[in-house]
C-alpha atoms as a PDB file:
ATOM      1  CA  MET A   1     -13.065 -82.726  35.788  1.00  0.00           C
ATOM      2  CA  LYS A   2     -10.408 -81.514  33.462  1.00  0.00           C
ATOM      3  CA  ASN A   3     -12.901 -81.312  30.452  1.00  0.00           C
ATOM      4  CA  SER A   4     -15.204 -79.344  32.568  1.00  0.00           C
ATOM      5  CA  ALA A   5     -12.505 -76.913  33.569  1.00  0.00           C
ATOM      6  CA  THR A   6     -11.432 -76.567  30.039  1.00  0.00           C
ATOM      7  CA  ARG A   7     -14.903 -75.815  28.695  1.00  0.00           C
ATOM      8  CA  GLN A   8     -15.282 -73.136  31.528  1.00  0.00           C
ATOM      9  CA  LEU A   9     -11.949 -71.553  30.744  1.00  0.00           C
ATOM     10  CA  ARG A  10     -13.052 -71.320  26.801  1.00  0.00           C
ATOM     11  CA  ALA A  11     -16.425 -69.917  27.581  1.00  0.00           C
ATOM     12  CA  PHE A  12     -17.088 -66.182  27.241  1.00  0.00           C
ATOM     13  CA  THR A  13     -18.251 -64.335  30.342  1.00  0.00           C
ATOM     14  CA  LEU A  14     -21.191 -61.957  30.131  1.00  0.00           C
ATOM     15  CA  VAL A  15     -19.007 -58.825  30.505  1.00  0.00           C
ATOM     16  CA  GLU A  16     -16.600 -60.128  27.716  1.00  0.00           C
ATOM     17  CA  LEU A  17     -19.658 -60.701  25.316  1.00  0.00           C
ATOM     18  CA  LEU A  18     -20.872 -57.136  26.314  1.00  0.00           C
ATOM     19  CA  VAL A  19     -17.378 -55.658  25.392  1.00  0.00           C
ATOM     20  CA  VAL A  20     -17.289 -57.516  22.180  1.00  0.00           C
ATOM     21  CA  ILE A  21     -20.880 -56.257  21.162  1.00  0.00           C
ATOM     22  CA  ALA A  22     -19.868 -52.812  22.125  1.00  0.00           C
ATOM     23  CA  ILE A  23     -16.849 -52.971  20.082  1.00  0.00           C
ATOM     24  CA  ILE A  24     -18.722 -54.061  16.952  1.00  0.00           C
ATOM     25  CA  ALA A  25     -21.264 -51.209  17.465  1.00  0.00           C
ATOM     26  CA  ILE A  26     -18.656 -48.693  17.627  1.00  0.00           C
ATOM     27  CA  LEU A  27     -16.960 -50.099  14.432  1.00  0.00           C
ATOM     28  CA  ALA A  28     -20.241 -49.988  12.645  1.00  0.00           C
ATOM     29  CA  ALA A  29     -20.975 -46.557  13.717  1.00  0.00           C
ATOM     30  CA  ILE A  30     -17.574 -45.495  12.364  1.00  0.00           C
ATOM     31  CA  LEU A  31     -17.786 -47.517   9.168  1.00  0.00           C
ATOM     32  CA  LEU A  32     -21.413 -46.884   8.190  1.00  0.00           C
ATOM     33  CA  PRO A  33     -20.749 -43.094   7.194  1.00  0.00           C
ATOM     34  CA  VAL A  34     -17.688 -44.128   5.101  1.00  0.00           C
ATOM     35  CA  PHE A  35     -19.618 -46.745   3.401  1.00  0.00           C
ATOM     36  CA  SER A  36     -22.645 -44.264   2.790  1.00  0.00           C
ATOM     37  CA  SER A  37     -20.266 -41.585   1.608  1.00  0.00           C
ATOM     38  CA  ALA A  38     -18.632 -44.091  -0.837  1.00  0.00           C
ATOM     39  CA  LYS A  39     -22.063 -45.172  -2.152  1.00  0.00           C
ATOM     40  CA  ALA A  40     -23.167 -41.572  -2.651  1.00  0.00           C
ATOM     41  CA  ARG A  41     -19.910 -40.891  -4.607  1.00  0.00           C
ATOM     42  CA  ALA A  42     -20.501 -43.862  -6.840  1.00  0.00           C
ATOM     43  CA  GLN A  43     -24.104 -42.730  -7.564  1.00  0.00           C
ATOM     44  CA  ARG A  44     -22.657 -39.197  -8.551  1.00  0.00           C
ATOM     45  CA  THR A  45     -20.031 -40.813 -10.773  1.00  0.00           C
ATOM     46  CA  ALA A  46     -22.830 -42.821 -12.550  1.00  0.00           C
ATOM     47  CA  CYS A  47     -24.771 -39.782 -12.995  1.00  0.00           C
ATOM     48  CA  LEU A  48     -21.823 -37.857 -14.476  1.00  0.00           C
ATOM     49  CA  ASN A  49     -21.156 -40.610 -16.874  1.00  0.00           C
ATOM     50  CA  ASN A  50     -24.858 -41.064 -17.909  1.00  0.00           C
ATOM     51  CA  LEU A  51     -25.074 -37.227 -18.642  1.00  0.00           C
ATOM     52  CA  LYS A  52     -21.854 -37.266 -20.492  1.00  0.00           C
ATOM     53  CA  GLN A  53     -23.394 -39.895 -22.883  1.00  0.00           C
ATOM     54  CA  ILE A  54     -26.729 -38.168 -23.075  1.00  0.00           C
ATOM     55  CA  ASN A  55     -25.057 -34.854 -23.803  1.00  0.00           C
ATOM     56  CA  LEU A  56     -23.060 -36.419 -26.631  1.00  0.00           C
ATOM     57  CA  GLY A  57     -26.064 -37.868 -28.078  1.00  0.00           C
ATOM     58  CA  ILE A  58     -27.877 -34.637 -28.105  1.00  0.00           C
ATOM     59  CA  ARG A  59     -24.902 -32.826 -29.807  1.00  0.00           C
ATOM     60  CA  LEU A  60     -24.740 -35.665 -32.350  1.00  0.00           C
ATOM     61  CA  TYR A  61     -28.455 -35.208 -33.150  1.00  0.00           C
ATOM     62  CA  ALA A  62     -27.776 -31.474 -33.656  1.00  0.00           C
ATOM     63  CA  ASP A  63     -24.830 -32.340 -35.929  1.00  0.00           C
ATOM     64  CA  GLU A  64     -27.204 -34.282 -38.313  1.00  0.00           C
ATOM     65  CA  ASN A  65     -29.998 -31.745 -38.052  1.00  0.00           C
ATOM     66  CA  GLY A  66     -28.469 -28.451 -39.174  1.00  0.00           C
ATOM     67  CA  ASP A  67     -26.770 -27.833 -35.863  1.00  0.00           C
ATOM     68  CA  ARG A  68     -30.161 -27.479 -34.191  1.00  0.00           C
ATOM     69  CA  LEU A  69     -31.210 -28.775 -30.968  1.00  0.00           C
ATOM     70  CA  PRO A  70     -34.320 -30.662 -30.252  1.00  0.00           C
ATOM     71  CA  ASP A  71     -37.542 -28.604 -30.825  1.00  0.00           C
ATOM     72  CA  LEU A  72     -40.489 -30.921 -29.929  1.00  0.00           C
ATOM     73  CA  GLY A  73     -43.119 -28.587 -28.426  1.00  0.00           C
ATOM     74  CA  ASN A  74     -44.218 -27.855 -24.860  1.00  0.00           C
ATOM     75  CA  LEU A  75     -42.709 -31.160 -23.299  1.00  0.00           C
ATOM     76  CA  THR A  76     -39.223 -31.032 -25.161  1.00  0.00           C
ATOM     77  CA  TYR A  77     -37.636 -31.184 -21.943  1.00  0.00           C
ATOM     78  CA  ILE A  78     -39.047 -34.757 -21.546  1.00  0.00           C
ATOM     79  CA  THR A  79     -39.507 -35.963 -25.142  1.00  0.00           C
ATOM     80  CA  TYR A  80     -36.063 -35.015 -26.394  1.00  0.00           C
ATOM     81  CA  ARG A  81     -35.306 -38.552 -25.260  1.00  0.00           C
ATOM     82  CA  GLU A  82     -37.103 -40.147 -28.277  1.00  0.00           C
ATOM     83  CA  VAL A  83     -35.054 -38.339 -30.729  1.00  0.00           C
ATOM     84  CA  ILE A  84     -31.663 -38.754 -29.389  1.00  0.00           C
ATOM     85  CA  LYS A  85     -31.640 -42.147 -27.736  1.00  0.00           C
ATOM     86  CA  GLY A  86     -30.424 -43.947 -31.084  1.00  0.00           C
ATOM     87  CA  TYR A  87     -27.338 -41.603 -30.653  1.00  0.00           C
ATOM     88  CA  ALA A  88     -26.908 -43.132 -27.113  1.00  0.00           C
ATOM     89  CA  GLY A  89     -26.874 -46.778 -28.323  1.00  0.00           C
ATOM     90  CA  LEU A  90     -30.683 -47.232 -27.642  1.00  0.00           C
ATOM     91  CA  SER A  91     -33.200 -48.624 -30.178  1.00  0.00           C
ATOM     92  CA  ALA A  92     -35.934 -50.391 -28.223  1.00  0.00           C
ATOM     93  CA  PRO A  93     -38.988 -48.478 -26.702  1.00  0.00           C
ATOM     94  CA  SER A  94     -38.154 -46.501 -23.579  1.00  0.00           C
ATOM     95  CA  SER A  95     -37.815 -48.683 -20.361  1.00  0.00           C
ATOM     96  CA  PRO A  96     -37.039 -48.022 -16.677  1.00  0.00           C
ATOM     97  CA  ASN A  97     -34.206 -50.561 -17.440  1.00  0.00           C
ATOM     98  CA  ASP A  98     -32.353 -48.271 -19.607  1.00  0.00           C
ATOM     99  CA  ARG A  99     -29.392 -47.550 -17.220  1.00  0.00           C
ATOM    100  CA  ILE A 100     -28.086 -44.431 -19.127  1.00  0.00           C
ATOM    101  CA  PHE A 101     -31.216 -42.372 -18.448  1.00  0.00           C
ATOM    102  CA  THR A 102     -31.438 -43.829 -14.859  1.00  0.00           C
ATOM    103  CA  CYS A 103     -29.709 -41.863 -11.800  1.00  0.00           C
ATOM    104  CA  PRO A 104     -29.109 -44.653  -9.125  1.00  0.00           C
ATOM    105  CA  ALA A 105     -30.041 -42.081  -6.519  1.00  0.00           C
ATOM    106  CA  ASP A 106     -33.514 -41.465  -8.162  1.00  0.00           C
ATOM    107  CA  THR A 107     -35.751 -43.126  -5.616  1.00  0.00           C
ATOM    108  CA  PHE A 108     -38.564 -40.452  -5.372  1.00  0.00           C
ATOM    109  CA  TYR A 109     -39.756 -37.471  -7.330  1.00  0.00           C
ATOM    110  CA  VAL A 110     -42.122 -34.459  -6.972  1.00  0.00           C
ATOM    111  CA  THR A 111     -45.239 -34.080  -9.064  1.00  0.00           C
ATOM    112  CA  ILE A 112     -45.328 -31.275 -11.557  1.00  0.00           C
ATOM    113  CA  THR A 113     -49.026 -30.459 -10.793  1.00  0.00           C
ATOM    114  CA  ASN A 114     -48.503 -30.323  -7.090  1.00  0.00           C
ATOM    115  CA  LEU A 115     -44.982 -29.348  -5.820  1.00  0.00           C
ATOM    116  CA  THR A 116     -45.676 -30.440  -2.305  1.00  0.00           C
ATOM    117  CA  VAL A 117     -46.434 -33.926  -3.167  1.00  0.00           C
ATOM    118  CA  VAL A 118     -43.380 -36.315  -3.003  1.00  0.00           C
ATOM    119  CA  VAL A 119     -43.921 -39.498  -4.581  1.00  0.00           C
ATOM    120  CA  PRO A 120     -41.899 -42.428  -3.231  1.00  0.00           C
ATOM    121  CA  TYR A 121     -40.990 -43.935  -6.425  1.00  0.00           C
ATOM    122  CA  GLY A 122     -38.176 -43.197  -9.024  1.00  0.00           C
ATOM    123  CA  ARG A 123     -38.852 -40.649 -11.619  1.00  0.00           C
ATOM    124  CA  HIS A 124     -37.226 -43.137 -14.035  1.00  0.00           C
ATOM    125  CA  MET A 125     -39.912 -45.515 -13.431  1.00  0.00           C
ATOM    126  CA  GLN A 126     -42.658 -43.211 -14.587  1.00  0.00           C
ATOM    127  CA  SER A 127     -43.904 -43.558 -18.361  1.00  0.00           C
ATOM    128  CA  TYR A 128     -45.004 -39.851 -18.155  1.00  0.00           C
ATOM    129  CA  PHE A 129     -41.196 -38.684 -17.871  1.00  0.00           C
ATOM    130  CA  ASP A 130     -40.303 -41.300 -20.709  1.00  0.00           C
ATOM    131  CA  TYR A 131     -38.676 -43.437 -17.988  1.00  0.00           C
ATOM    132  CA  SER A 132     -35.846 -40.854 -17.480  1.00  0.00           C
ATOM    133  CA  SER A 133     -34.063 -39.174 -14.601  1.00  0.00           C
ATOM    134  CA  TYR A 134     -32.781 -36.551 -16.866  1.00  0.00           C
ATOM    135  CA  ALA A 135     -34.254 -33.400 -18.645  1.00  0.00           C
ATOM    136  CA  PHE A 136     -33.247 -31.392 -21.642  1.00  0.00           C
ATOM    137  CA  ASN A 137     -32.707 -27.671 -21.156  1.00  0.00           C
ATOM    138  CA  GLY A 138     -35.996 -26.783 -23.096  1.00  0.00           C
ATOM    139  CA  GLY A 139     -37.907 -24.505 -20.901  1.00  0.00           C
ATOM    140  CA  ASN A 140     -38.293 -21.884 -23.482  1.00  0.00           C
ATOM    141  CA  LEU A 141     -40.925 -24.120 -25.143  1.00  0.00           C
ATOM    142  CA  TYR A 142     -42.670 -24.883 -21.806  1.00  0.00           C
ATOM    143  CA  THR A 143     -45.669 -22.611 -22.510  1.00  0.00           C
ATOM    144  CA  ASN A 144     -48.281 -23.757 -19.899  1.00  0.00           C
ATOM    145  CA  TYR A 145     -48.284 -25.023 -16.324  1.00  0.00           C
ATOM    146  CA  GLY A 146     -51.659 -26.778 -16.204  1.00  0.00           C
ATOM    147  CA  SER A 147     -54.142 -24.084 -16.754  1.00  0.00           C
ATOM    148  CA  ILE A 148     -51.521 -21.304 -16.090  1.00  0.00           C
ATOM    149  CA  ILE A 149     -50.150 -19.676 -19.271  1.00  0.00           C
ATOM    150  CA  LEU A 150     -46.367 -19.296 -18.553  1.00  0.00           C
ATOM    151  CA  PRO A 151     -44.212 -16.223 -19.452  1.00  0.00           C
ATOM    152  CA  GLU A 152     -41.258 -16.728 -21.753  1.00  0.00           C
ATOM    153  CA  MET A 153     -38.724 -18.833 -19.956  1.00  0.00           C
ATOM    154  CA  PRO A 154     -35.022 -19.233 -20.638  1.00  0.00           C
ATOM    155  CA  GLY A 155     -33.831 -22.466 -22.455  1.00  0.00           C
ATOM    156  CA  ILE A 156     -32.199 -23.603 -25.647  1.00  0.00           C
ATOM    157  CA  ALA A 157     -34.629 -26.014 -27.406  1.00  0.00           C
ATOM    158  CA  GLY A 158     -34.719 -25.380 -31.238  1.00  0.00           C
ATOM    159  CA  GLN A 159     -31.525 -23.139 -31.117  1.00  0.00           C
ATOM    160  CA  THR A 160     -28.469 -23.774 -32.944  1.00  0.00           C
ATOM    161  CA  THR A 161     -25.418 -24.793 -30.803  1.00  0.00           C
ATOM    162  CA  SER A 162     -23.173 -22.240 -32.687  1.00  0.00           C
ATOM    163  CA  SER A 163     -25.629 -19.597 -31.568  1.00  0.00           C
ATOM    164  CA  ILE A 164     -25.160 -20.116 -28.017  1.00  0.00           C
ATOM    165  CA  LYS A 165     -22.836 -17.472 -26.522  1.00  0.00           C
ATOM    166  CA  ASN A 166     -21.479 -19.183 -23.421  1.00  0.00           C
ATOM    167  CA  PRO A 167     -21.439 -22.931 -24.124  1.00  0.00           C
ATOM    168  CA  ALA A 168     -19.312 -23.655 -21.072  1.00  0.00           C
ATOM    169  CA  ARG A 169     -21.885 -22.043 -18.780  1.00  0.00           C
ATOM    170  CA  THR A 170     -25.183 -23.002 -20.690  1.00  0.00           C
ATOM    171  CA  LEU A 171     -26.820 -26.137 -19.513  1.00  0.00           C
ATOM    172  CA  LEU A 172     -27.710 -28.865 -22.200  1.00  0.00           C
ATOM    173  CA  ALA A 173     -29.112 -31.596 -20.055  1.00  0.00           C
ATOM    174  CA  GLN A 174     -29.338 -32.300 -16.285  1.00  0.00           C
ATOM    175  CA  GLU A 175     -30.869 -34.271 -13.529  1.00  0.00           C
ATOM    176  CA  ALA A 176     -34.621 -33.190 -13.647  1.00  0.00           C
ATOM    177  CA  THR A 177     -34.200 -32.290  -9.888  1.00  0.00           C
ATOM    178  CA  SER A 178     -32.517 -28.995 -10.834  1.00  0.00           C
ATOM    179  CA  LEU A 179     -35.633 -27.655 -12.572  1.00  0.00           C
ATOM    180  CA  LEU A 180     -37.348 -27.012  -9.303  1.00  0.00           C
ATOM    181  CA  PRO A 181     -34.649 -27.473  -7.656  1.00  0.00           C
ATOM    182  CA  TRP A 182     -34.210 -30.360  -4.996  1.00  0.00           C
ATOM    183  CA  SER A 183     -31.714 -33.072  -4.915  1.00  0.00           C
ATOM    184  CA  TRP A 184     -31.585 -36.806  -4.893  1.00  0.00           C
ATOM    185  CA  HIS A 185     -27.957 -36.727  -3.667  1.00  0.00           C
ATOM    186  CA  ARG A 186     -28.361 -34.432  -0.805  1.00  0.00           C
ATOM    187  CA  PRO A 187     -32.119 -34.182  -0.103  1.00  0.00           C
ATOM    188  CA  GLU A 188     -33.017 -31.763   2.696  1.00  0.00           C
ATOM    189  CA  SER A 189     -36.794 -32.235   2.606  1.00  0.00           C
ATOM    190  CA  SER A 190     -38.325 -35.320   0.793  1.00  0.00           C
ATOM    191  CA  SER A 191     -41.025 -36.379   3.330  1.00  0.00           C
ATOM    192  CA  PRO A 192     -44.694 -36.348   1.904  1.00  0.00           C
ATOM    193  CA  GLY A 193     -46.393 -33.075   2.804  1.00  0.00           C
ATOM    194  CA  ASP A 194     -43.197 -30.983   2.771  1.00  0.00           C
ATOM    195  CA  TYR A 195     -42.232 -28.466   0.125  1.00  0.00           C
ATOM    196  CA  PRO A 196     -39.041 -30.194  -1.191  1.00  0.00           C
ATOM    197  CA  SER A 197     -37.272 -27.353  -3.081  1.00  0.00           C
ATOM    198  CA  PHE A 198     -34.558 -25.474  -1.561  1.00  0.00           C
ATOM    199  CA  ASN A 199     -31.736 -22.977  -2.613  1.00  0.00           C
ATOM    200  CA  ASP A 200     -28.365 -24.541  -3.493  1.00  0.00           C
ATOM    201  CA  ALA A 201     -29.640 -27.946  -4.174  1.00  0.00           C
ATOM    202  CA  MET A 202     -26.802 -30.031  -5.433  1.00  0.00           C
ATOM    203  CA  ASN A 203     -27.265 -31.600  -8.845  1.00  0.00           C
ATOM    204  CA  VAL A 204     -25.324 -33.361 -11.644  1.00  0.00           C
ATOM    205  CA  VAL A 205     -25.632 -31.158 -14.854  1.00  0.00           C
ATOM    206  CA  SER A 206     -24.109 -31.035 -18.328  1.00  0.00           C
ATOM    207  CA  TYR A 207     -23.338 -28.211 -20.507  1.00  0.00           C
ATOM    208  CA  VAL A 208     -23.314 -27.255 -24.272  1.00  0.00           C
ATOM    209  CA  ASP A 209     -19.529 -27.475 -24.619  1.00  0.00           C
ATOM    210  CA  GLY A 210     -19.701 -31.303 -23.466  1.00  0.00           C
ATOM    211  CA  HIS A 211     -18.404 -31.017 -19.846  1.00  0.00           C
ATOM    212  CA  VAL A 212     -20.353 -32.320 -16.706  1.00  0.00           C
ATOM    213  CA  GLU A 213     -20.353 -31.377 -13.192  1.00  0.00           C
ATOM    214  CA  TYR A 214     -22.010 -31.708  -9.749  1.00  0.00           C
ATOM    215  CA  THR A 215     -23.078 -28.082  -8.826  1.00  0.00           C
ATOM    216  CA  LYS A 216     -25.405 -26.126  -6.770  1.00  0.00           C
ATOM    217  CA  ILE A 217     -28.693 -24.649  -8.299  1.00  0.00           C
ATOM    218  CA  PHE A 218     -30.084 -21.310  -7.412  1.00  0.00           C
ATOM    219  CA  TRP A 219     -33.710 -20.869  -6.319  1.00  0.00           C
ATOM    220  CA  ASP A 220     -35.438 -17.844  -5.156  1.00  0.00           C
ATOM    221  CA  SER A 221     -37.794 -18.906  -2.440  1.00  0.00           C
ATOM    222  CA  THR A 222     -39.436 -15.647  -2.189  1.00  0.00           C
ATOM    223  CA  GLN A 223     -41.239 -15.855  -5.424  1.00  0.00           C
ATOM    224  CA  ALA A 224     -44.945 -15.849  -4.751  1.00  0.00           C
ATOM    225  CA  ASP A 225     -45.951 -16.066  -8.538  1.00  0.00           C
ATOM    226  CA  PRO A 226     -46.558 -19.735  -9.426  1.00  0.00           C
ATOM    227  CA  THR A 227     -45.132 -18.981 -12.868  1.00  0.00           C
ATOM    228  CA  GLU A 228     -41.794 -18.063 -11.347  1.00  0.00           C
ATOM    229  CA  GLU A 229     -41.530 -20.798  -8.715  1.00  0.00           C
ATOM    230  CA  PHE A 230     -39.210 -23.141 -10.869  1.00  0.00           C
ATOM    231  CA  ALA A 231     -35.429 -22.553 -10.738  1.00  0.00           C
ATOM    232  CA  CYS A 232     -35.297 -22.959 -14.441  1.00  0.00           C
ATOM    233  CA  CYS A 233     -37.641 -19.838 -14.792  1.00  0.00           C
ATOM    234  CA  TYR A 234     -34.601 -17.469 -14.432  1.00  0.00           C
ATOM    235  CA  ASP A 235     -30.819 -17.481 -14.750  1.00  0.00           C
ATOM    236  CA  PRO A 236     -28.973 -17.459 -11.429  1.00  0.00           C
ATOM    237  CA  PRO A 237     -26.967 -14.409  -9.948  1.00  0.00           C
ATOM    238  CA  ALA A 238     -23.326 -14.068  -9.890  1.00  0.00           C
ATOM    239  CA  GLY A 239     -21.447 -17.007  -8.058  1.00  0.00           C
ATOM    240  CA  TYR A 240     -22.974 -19.756  -9.845  1.00  0.00           C
ATOM    241  CA  ASP A 241     -21.516 -21.907 -12.597  1.00  0.00           C
ATOM    242  CA  TYR A 242     -24.297 -22.220 -15.066  1.00  0.00           C
ATOM    243  CA  GLN A 243     -27.127 -20.489 -16.826  1.00  0.00           C
ATOM    244  CA  TRP A 244     -30.343 -21.734 -18.571  1.00  0.00           C
ATOM    245  CA  SER A 245     -30.493 -19.167 -21.411  1.00  0.00           C
ATOM    246  CA  GLY A 246     -28.211 -19.346 -24.530  1.00  0.00           C
ATOM    247  CA  ASN A 247     -27.623 -15.663 -24.457  1.00  0.00           C
END
């Protein structure tokens, strides 16, 4: 009888069990946003560090090439990686395992040929983008969008760094999401079938003077002309901390 009574005293009642479950659920609800926020900050920090190293690699390339930035034709914004990766400590063929070119938040991307299509795979996993989450500010050499001939766009490919008038405002390399723009860090629309671009998308970017930051990117959603639908087609209005052009 004594052992039976002891077991009965030690057992949880159904009410007590439900209370414990409720407390665990409340704690989880409180802590989950904290953990998510910490993870997001860690991802942004990784991107800031990546772009700092990529930025340095581009500037070292320029130092050894008459102060001139990469000039590799229409896709310089992608292919720049091939000529600067050695300055970033890489010598093997490009790979999705190259962390310096991988944003940890890069888990989906938008196709260039159809801006309404969201692919549920990282951009850095795609050979077309040379396995990189980051793009060089070379839109001035991007002459055609499929069969559409593009007007002159801002950008600094082929320019000398000394000719850039506002190095603290002019972008050098940035998360590729800023070109449209949308965001890996704070996506507002990333479901298949949705148009993912939106004004003030938050992106990690680097500047000609070497500093990096997490900033909002301007996008004019009223543009009906497909040659003007990218954020990188024009400099932003006053109130933004960057510009695409070197003027």
